[in-house]
């Protein structure tokens, strides 16, 4: 999914998935299931907040919030 930051500074109910099975560089079955959701909010071109909640899987019941910052320069022309 590509995010157009000029059109939106928030993403709500973004699905979190867990994949099991498969091996690197080897064909095989992979099982992918939804295990929670997240909300993403961009405060600026260099800062964002992610809040998450796991509803199933090995992390069921865990919730939290992370404050993230960009380690490289903001893209030229960013307008948040």
PDB file of N, CA and C in Angstrom:
ATOM      1  N   UNK A   1       0.847  -1.174   0.000  1.00  0.00           N
ATOM      2  CA  UNK A   1       0.000   0.000   0.000  1.00  0.00           C
ATOM      3  C   UNK A   1       0.892   1.238   0.000  1.00  0.00           C
ATOM      4  N   UNK A   2       0.656   2.148  -0.910  1.00  0.00           N
ATOM      5  CA  UNK A   2       1.354   3.420  -0.913  1.00  0.00           C
ATOM      6  C   UNK A   2       0.521   4.437  -0.171  1.00  0.00           C
ATOM      7  N   UNK A   3       1.182   5.255   0.637  1.00  0.00           N
ATOM      8  CA  UNK A   3       0.494   6.254   1.438  1.00  0.00           C
ATOM      9  C   UNK A   3       0.731   7.630   0.835  1.00  0.00           C
ATOM     10  N   UNK A   4      -0.333   8.318   0.509  1.00  0.00           N
ATOM     11  CA  UNK A   4      -0.237   9.685   0.015  1.00  0.00           C
ATOM     12  C   UNK A   4      -0.331  10.621   1.215  1.00  0.00           C
ATOM     13  N   UNK A   5       0.815  11.060   1.733  1.00  0.00           N
ATOM     14  CA  UNK A   5       0.815  11.907   2.924  1.00  0.00           C
ATOM     15  C   UNK A   5       0.198  13.270   2.676  1.00  0.00           C
ATOM     16  N   UNK A   6       0.056  13.644   1.421  1.00  0.00           N
ATOM     17  CA  UNK A   6      -0.570  14.927   1.139  1.00  0.00           C
ATOM     18  C   UNK A   6      -2.081  14.838   1.323  1.00  0.00           C
ATOM     19  N   UNK A   7      -2.626  13.636   1.264  1.00  0.00           N
ATOM     20  CA  UNK A   7      -4.079  13.460   1.368  1.00  0.00           C
ATOM     21  C   UNK A   7      -4.518  13.027   2.760  1.00  0.00           C
ATOM     22  N   UNK A   8      -3.631  12.388   3.546  1.00  0.00           N
ATOM     23  CA  UNK A   8      -4.041  11.845   4.829  1.00  0.00           C
ATOM     24  C   UNK A   8      -2.894  11.870   5.820  1.00  0.00           C
ATOM     25  N   UNK A   9      -3.190  12.207   7.068  1.00  0.00           N
ATOM     26  CA  UNK A   9      -2.190  12.134   8.123  1.00  0.00           C
ATOM     27  C   UNK A   9      -2.562  11.076   9.155  1.00  0.00           C
ATOM     28  N   UNK A  10      -3.669  10.343   8.923  1.00  0.00           N
ATOM     29  CA  UNK A  10      -4.088   9.285   9.843  1.00  0.00           C
ATOM     30  C   UNK A  10      -4.569   8.056   9.074  1.00  0.00           C
ATOM     31  N   UNK A  11      -4.228   6.905   9.600  1.00  0.00           N
ATOM     32  CA  UNK A  11      -4.726   5.637   9.076  1.00  0.00           C
ATOM     33  C   UNK A  11      -5.323   4.878  10.262  1.00  0.00           C
ATOM     34  N   UNK A  12      -6.586   4.525  10.184  1.00  0.00           N
ATOM     35  CA  UNK A  12      -7.258   3.826  11.284  1.00  0.00           C
ATOM     36  C   UNK A  12      -7.533   2.378  10.920  1.00  0.00           C
ATOM     37  N   UNK A  13      -7.462   1.510  11.913  1.00  0.00           N
ATOM     38  CA  UNK A  13      -7.774   0.081  11.762  1.00  0.00           C
ATOM     39  C   UNK A  13      -6.970  -0.594  10.660  1.00  0.00           C
ATOM     40  N   UNK A  14      -5.661  -0.375  10.658  1.00  0.00           N
ATOM     41  CA  UNK A  14      -4.764  -1.045   9.719  1.00  0.00           C
ATOM     42  C   UNK A  14      -4.535  -2.466  10.256  1.00  0.00           C
ATOM     43  N   UNK A  15      -4.794  -3.473   9.438  1.00  0.00           N
ATOM     44  CA  UNK A  15      -4.670  -4.863   9.885  1.00  0.00           C
ATOM     45  C   UNK A  15      -3.213  -5.235  10.153  1.00  0.00           C
ATOM     46  N   UNK A  16      -3.008  -6.005  11.221  1.00  0.00           N
ATOM     47  CA  UNK A  16      -1.714  -6.596  11.543  1.00  0.00           C
ATOM     48  C   UNK A  16      -1.845  -8.087  11.282  1.00  0.00           C
ATOM     49  N   UNK A  17      -0.909  -8.646  10.537  1.00  0.00           N
ATOM     50  CA  UNK A  17      -0.956 -10.061  10.173  1.00  0.00           C
ATOM     51  C   UNK A  17       0.228 -10.811  10.753  1.00  0.00           C
ATOM     52  N   UNK A  18       0.036 -12.102  10.994  1.00  0.00           N
ATOM     53  CA  UNK A  18       1.114 -12.999  11.419  1.00  0.00           C
ATOM     54  C   UNK A  18       1.223 -14.110  10.390  1.00  0.00           C
ATOM     55  N   UNK A  19       2.445 -14.343   9.930  1.00  0.00           N
ATOM     56  CA  UNK A  19       2.692 -15.421   8.961  1.00  0.00           C
ATOM     57  C   UNK A  19       3.538 -16.505   9.615  1.00  0.00           C
ATOM     58  N   UNK A  20       3.187 -17.753   9.354  1.00  0.00           N
ATOM     59  CA  UNK A  20       3.960 -18.888   9.853  1.00  0.00           C
ATOM     60  C   UNK A  20       4.214 -19.849   8.699  1.00  0.00           C
ATOM     61  N   UNK A  21       5.247 -20.657   8.861  1.00  0.00           N
ATOM     62  CA  UNK A  21       5.600 -21.618   7.818  1.00  0.00           C
ATOM     63  C   UNK A  21       6.513 -20.985   6.798  1.00  0.00           C
ATOM     64  N   UNK A  22       6.901 -21.776   5.842  1.00  0.00           N
ATOM     65  CA  UNK A  22       7.780 -21.290   4.790  1.00  0.00           C
ATOM     66  C   UNK A  22       9.217 -21.177   5.257  1.00  0.00           C
ATOM     67  N   UNK A  23      10.116 -21.218   4.313  1.00  0.00           N
ATOM     68  CA  UNK A  23      11.542 -21.069   4.563  1.00  0.00           C
ATOM     69  C   UNK A  23      12.107 -20.093   3.547  1.00  0.00           C
ATOM     70  N   UNK A  24      13.106 -19.339   3.965  1.00  0.00           N
ATOM     71  CA  UNK A  24      13.734 -18.381   3.064  1.00  0.00           C
ATOM     72  C   UNK A  24      14.288 -19.102   1.845  1.00  0.00           C
ATOM     73  N   UNK A  25      13.932 -18.603   0.672  1.00  0.00           N
ATOM     74  CA  UNK A  25      14.447 -19.097  -0.611  1.00  0.00           C
ATOM     75  C   UNK A  25      14.069 -20.556  -0.897  1.00  0.00           C
ATOM     76  N   UNK A  26      12.973 -21.029  -0.259  1.00  0.00           N
ATOM     77  CA  UNK A  26      12.483 -22.389  -0.491  1.00  0.00           C
ATOM     78  C   UNK A  26      10.970 -22.315  -0.655  1.00  0.00           C
ATOM     79  N   UNK A  27      10.461 -22.867  -1.750  1.00  0.00           N
ATOM     80  CA  UNK A  27       9.015 -22.857  -1.965  1.00  0.00           C
ATOM     81  C   UNK A  27       8.336 -23.692  -0.882  1.00  0.00           C
ATOM     82  N   UNK A  28       7.191 -23.215  -0.427  1.00  0.00           N
ATOM     83  CA  UNK A  28       6.454 -23.956   0.587  1.00  0.00           C
ATOM     84  C   UNK A  28       5.240 -23.181   1.034  1.00  0.00           C
ATOM     85  N   UNK A  29       4.400 -23.850   1.782  1.00  0.00           N
ATOM     86  CA  UNK A  29       3.156 -23.244   2.248  1.00  0.00           C
ATOM     87  C   UNK A  29       3.428 -22.228   3.362  1.00  0.00           C
ATOM     88  N   UNK A  30       2.736 -21.105   3.278  1.00  0.00           N
ATOM     89  CA  UNK A  30       2.792 -20.072   4.303  1.00  0.00           C
ATOM     90  C   UNK A  30       1.359 -19.787   4.721  1.00  0.00           C
ATOM     91  N   UNK A  31       1.136 -19.718   6.039  1.00  0.00           N
ATOM     92  CA  UNK A  31      -0.194 -19.420   6.562  1.00  0.00           C
ATOM     93  C   UNK A  31      -0.162 -18.019   7.145  1.00  0.00           C
ATOM     94  N   UNK A  32      -1.020 -17.126   6.643  1.00  0.00           N
ATOM     95  CA  UNK A  32      -1.085 -15.746   7.111  1.00  0.00           C
ATOM     96  C   UNK A  32      -2.487 -15.456   7.624  1.00  0.00           C
ATOM     97  N   UNK A  33      -2.559 -14.968   8.878  1.00  0.00           N
ATOM     98  CA  UNK A  33      -3.862 -14.681   9.504  1.00  0.00           C
ATOM     99  C   UNK A  33      -3.816 -13.306  10.173  1.00  0.00           C
ATOM    100  N   UNK A  34      -4.967 -12.611  10.238  1.00  0.00           N
ATOM    101  CA  UNK A  34      -5.013 -11.332  10.957  1.00  0.00           C
ATOM    102  C   UNK A  34      -4.929 -11.582  12.463  1.00  0.00           C
ATOM    103  N   UNK A  35      -4.140 -10.775  13.171  1.00  0.00           N
ATOM    104  CA  UNK A  35      -3.977 -10.942  14.621  1.00  0.00           C
ATOM    105  C   UNK A  35      -4.220  -9.649  15.402  1.00  0.00           C
ATOM    106  N   UNK A  36      -4.562  -8.558  14.726  1.00  0.00           N
ATOM    107  CA  UNK A  36      -4.815  -7.307  15.435  1.00  0.00           C
ATOM    108  C   UNK A  36      -4.958  -6.150  14.477  1.00  0.00           C
ATOM    109  N   UNK A  37      -4.899  -4.949  15.049  1.00  0.00           N
ATOM    110  CA  UNK A  37      -5.012  -3.748  14.228  1.00  0.00           C
ATOM    111  C   UNK A  37      -4.180  -2.622  14.835  1.00  0.00           C
ATOM    112  N   UNK A  38      -3.934  -1.605  14.007  1.00  0.00           N
ATOM    113  CA  UNK A  38      -3.136  -0.457  14.439  1.00  0.00           C
ATOM    114  C   UNK A  38      -3.741   0.824  13.888  1.00  0.00           C
ATOM    115  N   UNK A  39      -3.481   1.898  14.595  1.00  0.00           N
ATOM    116  CA  UNK A  39      -3.815   3.241  14.131  1.00  0.00           C
ATOM    117  C   UNK A  39      -2.497   3.997  13.980  1.00  0.00           C
ATOM    118  N   UNK A  40      -2.334   4.695  12.858  1.00  0.00           N
ATOM    119  CA  UNK A  40      -1.102   5.417  12.566  1.00  0.00           C
ATOM    120  C   UNK A  40      -1.436   6.890  12.390  1.00  0.00           C
ATOM    121  N   UNK A  41      -0.675   7.744  13.056  1.00  0.00           N
ATOM    122  CA  UNK A  41      -0.904   9.188  12.976  1.00  0.00           C
ATOM    123  C   UNK A  41       0.425   9.887  12.711  1.00  0.00           C
ATOM    124  N   UNK A  42       0.477  10.694  11.654  1.00  0.00           N
ATOM    125  CA  UNK A  42       1.683  11.444  11.311  1.00  0.00           C
ATOM    126  C   UNK A  42       1.566  12.844  11.896  1.00  0.00           C
ATOM    127  N   UNK A  43       2.481  13.208  12.799  1.00  0.00           N
ATOM    128  CA  UNK A  43       2.479  14.545  13.386  1.00  0.00           C
ATOM    129  C   UNK A  43       3.221  15.554  12.512  1.00  0.00           C
ATOM    130  N   UNK A  44       4.207  15.051  11.764  1.00  0.00           N
ATOM    131  CA  UNK A  44       5.009  15.904  10.888  1.00  0.00           C
ATOM    132  C   UNK A  44       5.675  15.006   9.853  1.00  0.00           C
ATOM    133  N   UNK A  45       6.526  15.583   9.044  1.00  0.00           N
ATOM    134  CA  UNK A  45       7.250  14.801   8.045  1.00  0.00           C
ATOM    135  C   UNK A  45       8.336  13.939   8.681  1.00  0.00           C
ATOM    136  N   UNK A  46       8.590  14.134   9.963  1.00  0.00           N
ATOM    137  CA  UNK A  46       9.643  13.381  10.631  1.00  0.00           C
ATOM    138  C   UNK A  46       9.177  12.649  11.894  1.00  0.00           C
ATOM    139  N   UNK A  47       7.879  12.681  12.207  1.00  0.00           N
ATOM    140  CA  UNK A  47       7.392  12.030  13.428  1.00  0.00           C
ATOM    141  C   UNK A  47       6.026  11.389  13.202  1.00  0.00           C
ATOM    142  N   UNK A  48       5.848  10.211  13.827  1.00  0.00           N
ATOM    143  CA  UNK A  48       4.560   9.527  13.743  1.00  0.00           C
ATOM    144  C   UNK A  48       4.322   8.727  15.014  1.00  0.00           C
ATOM    145  N   UNK A  49       3.052   8.400  15.255  1.00  0.00           N
ATOM    146  CA  UNK A  49       2.652   7.581  16.396  1.00  0.00           C
ATOM    147  C   UNK A  49       1.901   6.373  15.872  1.00  0.00           C
ATOM    148  N   UNK A  50       2.223   5.196  16.417  1.00  0.00           N
ATOM    149  CA  UNK A  50       1.523   3.962  16.066  1.00  0.00           C
ATOM    150  C   UNK A  50       0.934   3.381  17.355  1.00  0.00           C
ATOM    151  N   UNK A  51      -0.376   3.184  17.385  1.00  0.00           N
ATOM    152  CA  UNK A  51      -1.048   2.512  18.496  1.00  0.00           C
ATOM    153  C   UNK A  51      -1.548   1.172  17.984  1.00  0.00           C
ATOM    154  N   UNK A  52      -1.305   0.101  18.745  1.00  0.00           N
ATOM    155  CA  UNK A  52      -1.651  -1.232  18.259  1.00  0.00           C
ATOM    156  C   UNK A  52      -2.379  -2.038  19.332  1.00  0.00           C
ATOM    157  N   UNK A  53      -3.146  -3.025  18.863  1.00  0.00           N
ATOM    158  CA  UNK A  53      -3.850  -3.956  19.745  1.00  0.00           C
ATOM    159  C   UNK A  53      -3.884  -5.320  19.075  1.00  0.00           C
ATOM    160  N   UNK A  54      -3.382  -6.338  19.762  1.00  0.00           N
ATOM    161  CA  UNK A  54      -3.424  -7.707  19.260  1.00  0.00           C
ATOM    162  C   UNK A  54      -4.648  -8.407  19.832  1.00  0.00           C
ATOM    163  N   UNK A  55      -5.445  -9.006  18.965  1.00  0.00           N
ATOM    164  CA  UNK A  55      -6.672  -9.683  19.392  1.00  0.00           C
ATOM    165  C   UNK A  55      -6.547 -11.196  19.368  1.00  0.00           C
ATOM    166  N   UNK A  56      -5.504 -11.716  18.736  1.00  0.00           N
ATOM    167  CA  UNK A  56      -5.273 -13.167  18.696  1.00  0.00           C
ATOM    168  C   UNK A  56      -3.799 -13.421  18.427  1.00  0.00           C
ATOM    169  N   UNK A  57      -3.420 -14.690  18.326  1.00  0.00           N
ATOM    170  CA  UNK A  57      -2.029 -15.039  18.094  1.00  0.00           C
ATOM    171  C   UNK A  57      -1.237 -15.015  19.385  1.00  0.00           C
ATOM    172  N   UNK A  58       0.070 -15.177  19.278  1.00  0.00           N
ATOM    173  CA  UNK A  58       0.925 -15.276  20.460  1.00  0.00           C
ATOM    174  C   UNK A  58       0.990 -13.989  21.280  1.00  0.00           C
ATOM    175  N   UNK A  59       0.594 -12.856  20.709  1.00  0.00           N
ATOM    176  CA  UNK A  59       0.594 -11.580  21.428  1.00  0.00           C
ATOM    177  C   UNK A  59      -0.807 -11.127  21.827  1.00  0.00           C
ATOM    178  N   UNK A  60      -1.795 -12.010  21.787  1.00  0.00           N
ATOM    179  CA  UNK A  60      -3.188 -11.657  22.101  1.00  0.00           C
ATOM    180  C   UNK A  60      -3.272 -10.902  23.423  1.00  0.00           C
ATOM    181  N   UNK A  61      -4.024  -9.803  23.402  1.00  0.00           N
ATOM    182  CA  UNK A  61      -4.215  -8.991  24.590  1.00  0.00           C
ATOM    183  C   UNK A  61      -3.208  -7.873  24.772  1.00  0.00           C
ATOM    184  N   UNK A  62      -2.128  -7.895  24.026  1.00  0.00           N
ATOM    185  CA  UNK A  62      -1.117  -6.838  24.151  1.00  0.00           C
ATOM    186  C   UNK A  62      -1.542  -5.611  23.372  1.00  0.00           C
ATOM    187  N   UNK A  63      -1.326  -4.463  23.982  1.00  0.00           N
ATOM    188  CA  UNK A  63      -1.602  -3.181  23.347  1.00  0.00           C
ATOM    189  C   UNK A  63      -0.442  -2.247  23.653  1.00  0.00           C
ATOM    190  N   UNK A  64      -0.328  -1.193  22.891  1.00  0.00           N
ATOM    191  CA  UNK A  64       0.723  -0.227  23.161  1.00  0.00           C
ATOM    192  C   UNK A  64       0.736   0.902  22.159  1.00  0.00           C
ATOM    193  N   UNK A  65       1.625   1.850  22.427  1.00  0.00           N
ATOM    194  CA  UNK A  65       1.805   3.005  21.561  1.00  0.00           C
ATOM    195  C   UNK A  65       3.296   3.248  21.391  1.00  0.00           C
ATOM    196  N   UNK A  66       3.715   3.524  20.166  1.00  0.00           N
ATOM    197  CA  UNK A  66       5.116   3.829  19.873  1.00  0.00           C
ATOM    198  C   UNK A  66       5.203   5.198  19.216  1.00  0.00           C
ATOM    199  N   UNK A  67       6.144   6.009  19.668  1.00  0.00           N
ATOM    200  CA  UNK A  67       6.470   7.278  19.034  1.00  0.00           C
ATOM    201  C   UNK A  67       7.684   7.014  18.149  1.00  0.00           C
ATOM    202  N   UNK A  68       7.568   7.258  16.851  1.00  0.00           N
ATOM    203  CA  UNK A  68       8.650   6.978  15.910  1.00  0.00           C
ATOM    204  C   UNK A  68       9.118   8.266  15.244  1.00  0.00           C
ATOM    205  N   UNK A  69      10.426   8.349  14.988  1.00  0.00           N
ATOM    206  CA  UNK A  69      10.979   9.516  14.291  1.00  0.00           C
ATOM    207  C   UNK A  69      11.798   9.051  13.098  1.00  0.00           C
ATOM    208  N   UNK A  70      11.829   9.881  12.084  1.00  0.00           N
ATOM    209  CA  UNK A  70      12.608   9.599  10.872  1.00  0.00           C
ATOM    210  C   UNK A  70      14.081   9.833  11.179  1.00  0.00           C
ATOM    211  N   UNK A  71      14.933   8.896  10.761  1.00  0.00           N
ATOM    212  CA  UNK A  71      16.367   9.022  10.986  1.00  0.00           C
ATOM    213  C   UNK A  71      17.086   9.702   9.835  1.00  0.00           C
ATOM    214  N   UNK A  72      16.413   9.833   8.701  1.00  0.00           N
ATOM    215  CA  UNK A  72      17.010  10.500   7.545  1.00  0.00           C
ATOM    216  C   UNK A  72      16.239  11.790   7.295  1.00  0.00           C
ATOM    217  N   UNK A  73      16.742  12.637   6.434  1.00  0.00           N
ATOM    218  CA  UNK A  73      16.031  13.897   6.146  1.00  0.00           C
ATOM    219  C   UNK A  73      14.627  13.641   5.595  1.00  0.00           C
ATOM    220  N   UNK A  74      13.732  14.569   5.868  1.00  0.00           N
ATOM    221  CA  UNK A  74      12.368  14.491   5.326  1.00  0.00           C
ATOM    222  C   UNK A  74      12.426  14.641   3.819  1.00  0.00           C
ATOM    223  N   UNK A  75      11.496  13.983   3.112  1.00  0.00           N
ATOM    224  CA  UNK A  75      11.448  14.100   1.662  1.00  0.00           C
ATOM    225  C   UNK A  75      11.241  15.559   1.224  1.00  0.00           C
ATOM    226  N   UNK A  76      11.874  15.921   0.161  1.00  0.00           N
ATOM    227  CA  UNK A  76      11.719  17.276  -0.377  1.00  0.00           C
ATOM    228  C   UNK A  76      10.249  17.532  -0.681  1.00  0.00           C
ATOM    229  N   UNK A  77       9.737  18.644  -0.236  1.00  0.00           N
ATOM    230  CA  UNK A  77       8.358  19.021  -0.527  1.00  0.00           C
ATOM    231  C   UNK A  77       7.339  18.441   0.430  1.00  0.00           C
ATOM    232  N   UNK A  78       7.754  17.738   1.470  1.00  0.00           N
ATOM    233  CA  UNK A  78       6.795  17.166   2.422  1.00  0.00           C
ATOM    234  C   UNK A  78       5.995  18.284   3.079  1.00  0.00           C
ATOM    235  N   UNK A  79       4.665  18.104   3.148  1.00  0.00           N
ATOM    236  CA  UNK A  79       3.781  19.149   3.686  1.00  0.00           C
ATOM    237  C   UNK A  79       2.773  18.561   4.667  1.00  0.00           C
ATOM    238  N   UNK A  80       3.204  18.169   5.821  1.00  0.00           N
ATOM    239  CA  UNK A  80       2.238  17.679   6.815  1.00  0.00           C
ATOM    240  C   UNK A  80       2.047  18.755   7.854  1.00  0.00           C
TER     241      UNK A  80
END
